[in-house]
Amino acid sequence: MPVFMVEREIPGITMEQLGDAQKSAIETSDRYSAEGRAVRYIRTAWVPSESRGMCFFEAVDAETVKAVNEDAGIPFTRISEALDLTP
C-alpha cells in the first residue's frame, strides 16, 4: 500500500495536545480499517521549535488519509505520496 505524508503547522500546540492528536489519528485510522477502508497510522516527526511536523500513513489513496485527518479534527496543510525509507 502507498505511504502518504501529512504536513502540519500547528502553532501553540502543547505536547499534551500533540499526544491527543496522535491518539485521535490512530483511533480514527483503526476505525476506518475496521469499516473496510484500509488505512494505518505509521508515525509522526515533530519539530517543536517550528510548530510543524509530518505524519505518515499507509493507505489505499490520499482521499482516505484526508478523510481520516478531517474526521480526527487534526489540521494539515498538505498530503503527498511519499517513500518510506526506514531501514
N, C-alpha and C. Protein backbone atom coordinates (compact mmCIF):
# COMPACT_ATOMS: atom_id res chain seq x y z
N MET A 1 0.84 -1.18 0.00
CA MET A 1 0.00 0.00 0.00
C MET A 1 0.89 1.24 0.00
N PRO A 2 0.47 2.29 -0.67
CA PRO A 2 1.25 3.52 -0.70
C PRO A 2 1.33 4.18 0.69
N VAL A 3 2.37 4.97 0.87
CA VAL A 3 2.57 5.76 2.08
C VAL A 3 2.31 7.22 1.74
N PHE A 4 1.64 7.92 2.66
CA PHE A 4 1.34 9.33 2.47
C PHE A 4 1.88 10.13 3.64
N MET A 5 2.45 11.30 3.33
CA MET A 5 2.97 12.21 4.33
C MET A 5 1.98 13.36 4.49
N VAL A 6 1.57 13.59 5.73
CA VAL A 6 0.65 14.67 6.04
C VAL A 6 1.45 15.76 6.74
N GLU A 7 1.54 16.92 6.11
CA GLU A 7 2.30 18.03 6.68
C GLU A 7 1.37 18.89 7.53
N ARG A 8 1.90 19.33 8.68
CA ARG A 8 1.10 20.13 9.61
C ARG A 8 1.90 21.33 10.12
N GLU A 9 1.20 22.41 10.33
CA GLU A 9 1.73 23.57 11.04
C GLU A 9 0.69 23.91 12.10
N ILE A 10 1.06 23.74 13.37
CA ILE A 10 0.10 23.95 14.45
C ILE A 10 0.76 24.80 15.54
N PRO A 11 0.84 26.11 15.32
CA PRO A 11 1.45 27.00 16.31
C PRO A 11 0.72 26.92 17.65
N GLY A 12 1.49 26.91 18.72
CA GLY A 12 0.93 26.96 20.06
C GLY A 12 0.46 25.63 20.62
N ILE A 13 0.61 24.55 19.86
CA ILE A 13 0.16 23.25 20.36
C ILE A 13 1.09 22.78 21.48
N THR A 14 0.49 22.22 22.52
CA THR A 14 1.29 21.68 23.63
C THR A 14 1.62 20.22 23.34
N MET A 15 2.57 19.68 24.08
CA MET A 15 2.92 18.27 23.90
C MET A 15 1.73 17.38 24.26
N GLU A 16 0.95 17.78 25.24
CA GLU A 16 -0.25 17.01 25.60
C GLU A 16 -1.25 17.01 24.45
N GLN A 17 -1.46 18.17 23.86
CA GLN A 17 -2.39 18.25 22.72
C GLN A 17 -1.86 17.45 21.53
N LEU A 18 -0.55 17.49 21.33
CA LEU A 18 0.05 16.71 20.24
C LEU A 18 -0.17 15.22 20.48
N GLY A 19 -0.01 14.79 21.72
CA GLY A 19 -0.27 13.39 22.05
C GLY A 19 -1.72 13.01 21.82
N ASP A 20 -2.63 13.91 22.19
CA ASP A 20 -4.06 13.66 21.96
C ASP A 20 -4.37 13.57 20.46
N ALA A 21 -3.72 14.42 19.66
CA ALA A 21 -3.93 14.38 18.21
C ALA A 21 -3.41 13.07 17.64
N GLN A 22 -2.26 12.63 18.11
CA GLN A 22 -1.71 11.35 17.65
C GLN A 22 -2.66 10.21 18.00
N LYS A 23 -3.17 10.22 19.23
CA LYS A 23 -4.11 9.18 19.65
C LYS A 23 -5.36 9.19 18.76
N SER A 24 -5.85 10.37 18.45
CA SER A 24 -7.02 10.50 17.59
C SER A 24 -6.74 9.98 16.18
N ALA A 25 -5.55 10.25 15.66
CA ALA A 25 -5.18 9.76 14.33
C ALA A 25 -5.13 8.23 14.31
N ILE A 26 -4.59 7.65 15.37
CA ILE A 26 -4.51 6.19 15.45
C ILE A 26 -5.91 5.58 15.57
N GLU A 27 -6.72 6.13 16.47
CA GLU A 27 -8.06 5.58 16.68
C GLU A 27 -8.94 5.74 15.44
N THR A 28 -8.84 6.87 14.77
CA THR A 28 -9.64 7.10 13.57
C THR A 28 -9.19 6.18 12.45
N SER A 29 -7.88 5.98 12.30
CA SER A 29 -7.36 5.05 11.30
C SER A 29 -7.87 3.63 11.58
N ASP A 30 -7.81 3.22 12.83
CA ASP A 30 -8.28 1.88 13.20
C ASP A 30 -9.77 1.72 12.89
N ARG A 31 -10.55 2.76 13.17
CA ARG A 31 -11.99 2.69 12.90
C ARG A 31 -12.25 2.57 11.39
N TYR A 32 -11.54 3.37 10.60
CA TYR A 32 -11.70 3.30 9.15
C TYR A 32 -11.35 1.89 8.64
N SER A 33 -10.26 1.34 9.15
CA SER A 33 -9.85 0.00 8.71
C SER A 33 -10.90 -1.04 9.09
N ALA A 34 -11.45 -0.92 10.29
CA ALA A 34 -12.50 -1.86 10.73
C ALA A 34 -13.74 -1.75 9.85
N GLU A 35 -13.96 -0.57 9.28
CA GLU A 35 -15.10 -0.34 8.39
C GLU A 35 -14.79 -0.71 6.94
N GLY A 36 -13.57 -1.21 6.69
CA GLY A 36 -13.22 -1.67 5.34
C GLY A 36 -12.46 -0.68 4.49
N ARG A 37 -12.06 0.46 5.07
CA ARG A 37 -11.26 1.45 4.32
C ARG A 37 -9.84 1.37 4.85
N ALA A 38 -9.01 0.58 4.19
CA ALA A 38 -7.67 0.28 4.68
C ALA A 38 -6.81 1.52 4.84
N VAL A 39 -6.41 1.78 6.07
CA VAL A 39 -5.50 2.89 6.39
C VAL A 39 -4.82 2.57 7.71
N ARG A 40 -3.53 2.93 7.80
CA ARG A 40 -2.77 2.67 9.02
C ARG A 40 -1.89 3.88 9.33
N TYR A 41 -2.00 4.38 10.56
CA TYR A 41 -1.10 5.43 11.04
C TYR A 41 0.26 4.78 11.27
N ILE A 42 1.32 5.41 10.79
CA ILE A 42 2.67 4.85 10.95
C ILE A 42 3.43 5.56 12.07
N ARG A 43 3.62 6.88 11.92
CA ARG A 43 4.38 7.63 12.93
C ARG A 43 4.31 9.12 12.62
N THR A 44 4.81 9.91 13.57
CA THR A 44 4.88 11.36 13.41
C THR A 44 6.31 11.83 13.70
N ALA A 45 6.77 12.80 12.94
CA ALA A 45 8.01 13.51 13.23
C ALA A 45 7.60 14.96 13.49
N TRP A 46 7.99 15.53 14.64
CA TRP A 46 7.55 16.86 15.04
C TRP A 46 8.76 17.74 15.31
N VAL A 47 8.73 18.98 14.84
CA VAL A 47 9.79 19.97 15.06
C VAL A 47 9.22 21.04 16.00
N PRO A 48 9.43 20.90 17.31
CA PRO A 48 8.82 21.83 18.27
C PRO A 48 9.19 23.29 18.05
N SER A 49 10.42 23.56 17.67
CA SER A 49 10.86 24.95 17.51
C SER A 49 10.17 25.64 16.33
N GLU A 50 9.59 24.86 15.43
CA GLU A 50 8.91 25.43 14.26
C GLU A 50 7.41 25.15 14.27
N SER A 51 6.92 24.45 15.29
CA SER A 51 5.50 24.08 15.40
C SER A 51 4.98 23.42 14.13
N ARG A 52 5.78 22.55 13.57
CA ARG A 52 5.36 21.85 12.37
C ARG A 52 5.85 20.41 12.42
N GLY A 53 5.16 19.59 11.66
CA GLY A 53 5.53 18.19 11.66
C GLY A 53 4.98 17.46 10.46
N MET A 54 5.31 16.18 10.41
CA MET A 54 4.87 15.31 9.34
C MET A 54 4.39 14.01 9.96
N CYS A 55 3.21 13.58 9.54
CA CYS A 55 2.68 12.30 9.98
C CYS A 55 2.62 11.39 8.76
N PHE A 56 2.90 10.12 8.99
CA PHE A 56 2.91 9.16 7.90
C PHE A 56 1.80 8.14 8.07
N PHE A 57 1.11 7.88 6.98
CA PHE A 57 0.02 6.91 6.95
C PHE A 57 0.22 5.98 5.76
N GLU A 58 -0.20 4.76 5.92
CA GLU A 58 -0.26 3.82 4.81
C GLU A 58 -1.74 3.70 4.46
N ALA A 59 -2.08 3.86 3.20
CA ALA A 59 -3.50 3.83 2.80
C ALA A 59 -3.63 3.53 1.32
N VAL A 60 -4.85 3.23 0.91
CA VAL A 60 -5.10 2.95 -0.50
C VAL A 60 -4.99 4.20 -1.36
N ASP A 61 -5.33 5.37 -0.77
CA ASP A 61 -5.26 6.61 -1.55
C ASP A 61 -5.22 7.83 -0.62
N ALA A 62 -4.88 8.97 -1.20
CA ALA A 62 -4.76 10.22 -0.44
C ALA A 62 -6.11 10.67 0.12
N GLU A 63 -7.19 10.38 -0.60
CA GLU A 63 -8.52 10.79 -0.13
C GLU A 63 -8.87 10.13 1.20
N THR A 64 -8.47 8.88 1.39
CA THR A 64 -8.72 8.18 2.65
C THR A 64 -7.93 8.84 3.77
N VAL A 65 -6.68 9.19 3.51
CA VAL A 65 -5.86 9.86 4.51
C VAL A 65 -6.45 11.22 4.86
N LYS A 66 -6.91 11.95 3.87
CA LYS A 66 -7.54 13.25 4.09
C LYS A 66 -8.78 13.08 4.98
N ALA A 67 -9.61 12.10 4.67
CA ALA A 67 -10.82 11.87 5.45
C ALA A 67 -10.50 11.52 6.90
N VAL A 68 -9.49 10.68 7.11
CA VAL A 68 -9.09 10.32 8.47
C VAL A 68 -8.69 11.56 9.26
N ASN A 69 -7.87 12.41 8.67
CA ASN A 69 -7.39 13.60 9.36
C ASN A 69 -8.51 14.60 9.62
N GLU A 70 -9.41 14.74 8.66
CA GLU A 70 -10.56 15.64 8.86
C GLU A 70 -11.47 15.11 9.96
N ASP A 71 -11.76 13.80 9.94
CA ASP A 71 -12.61 13.21 10.96
C ASP A 71 -11.96 13.26 12.35
N ALA A 72 -10.64 13.14 12.38
CA ALA A 72 -9.92 13.20 13.66
C ALA A 72 -9.80 14.64 14.16
N GLY A 73 -10.09 15.61 13.30
CA GLY A 73 -10.03 17.01 13.69
C GLY A 73 -8.62 17.56 13.82
N ILE A 74 -7.70 17.01 13.02
CA ILE A 74 -6.31 17.43 13.09
C ILE A 74 -5.99 18.28 11.85
N PRO A 75 -5.60 19.54 12.04
CA PRO A 75 -5.31 20.40 10.89
C PRO A 75 -4.08 19.92 10.10
N PHE A 76 -4.12 20.15 8.81
CA PHE A 76 -2.99 19.81 7.95
C PHE A 76 -2.90 20.81 6.81
N THR A 77 -1.71 20.91 6.24
CA THR A 77 -1.51 21.84 5.13
C THR A 77 -1.40 21.13 3.79
N ARG A 78 -0.94 19.86 3.81
CA ARG A 78 -0.74 19.16 2.54
C ARG A 78 -0.62 17.66 2.79
N ILE A 79 -1.07 16.88 1.82
CA ILE A 79 -0.92 15.44 1.83
C ILE A 79 -0.23 15.04 0.54
N SER A 80 0.88 14.30 0.65
CA SER A 80 1.64 13.89 -0.52
C SER A 80 2.00 12.42 -0.42
N GLU A 81 2.01 11.74 -1.56
CA GLU A 81 2.51 10.36 -1.55
C GLU A 81 4.01 10.42 -1.31
N ALA A 82 4.51 9.51 -0.49
CA ALA A 82 5.93 9.54 -0.10
C ALA A 82 6.51 8.13 -0.14
N LEU A 83 7.80 8.06 -0.06
CA LEU A 83 8.50 6.78 0.06
C LEU A 83 8.99 6.66 1.49
N ASP A 84 8.67 5.57 2.14
CA ASP A 84 9.16 5.32 3.50
C ASP A 84 10.47 4.54 3.37
N LEU A 85 11.57 5.19 3.69
CA LEU A 85 12.88 4.59 3.52
C LEU A 85 13.47 4.09 4.84
N THR A 86 12.61 3.76 5.80
CA THR A 86 13.07 3.24 7.07
C THR A 86 13.78 1.92 6.82
N PRO A 87 15.01 1.79 7.34
CA PRO A 87 15.75 0.53 7.10
C PRO A 87 15.12 -0.65 7.83
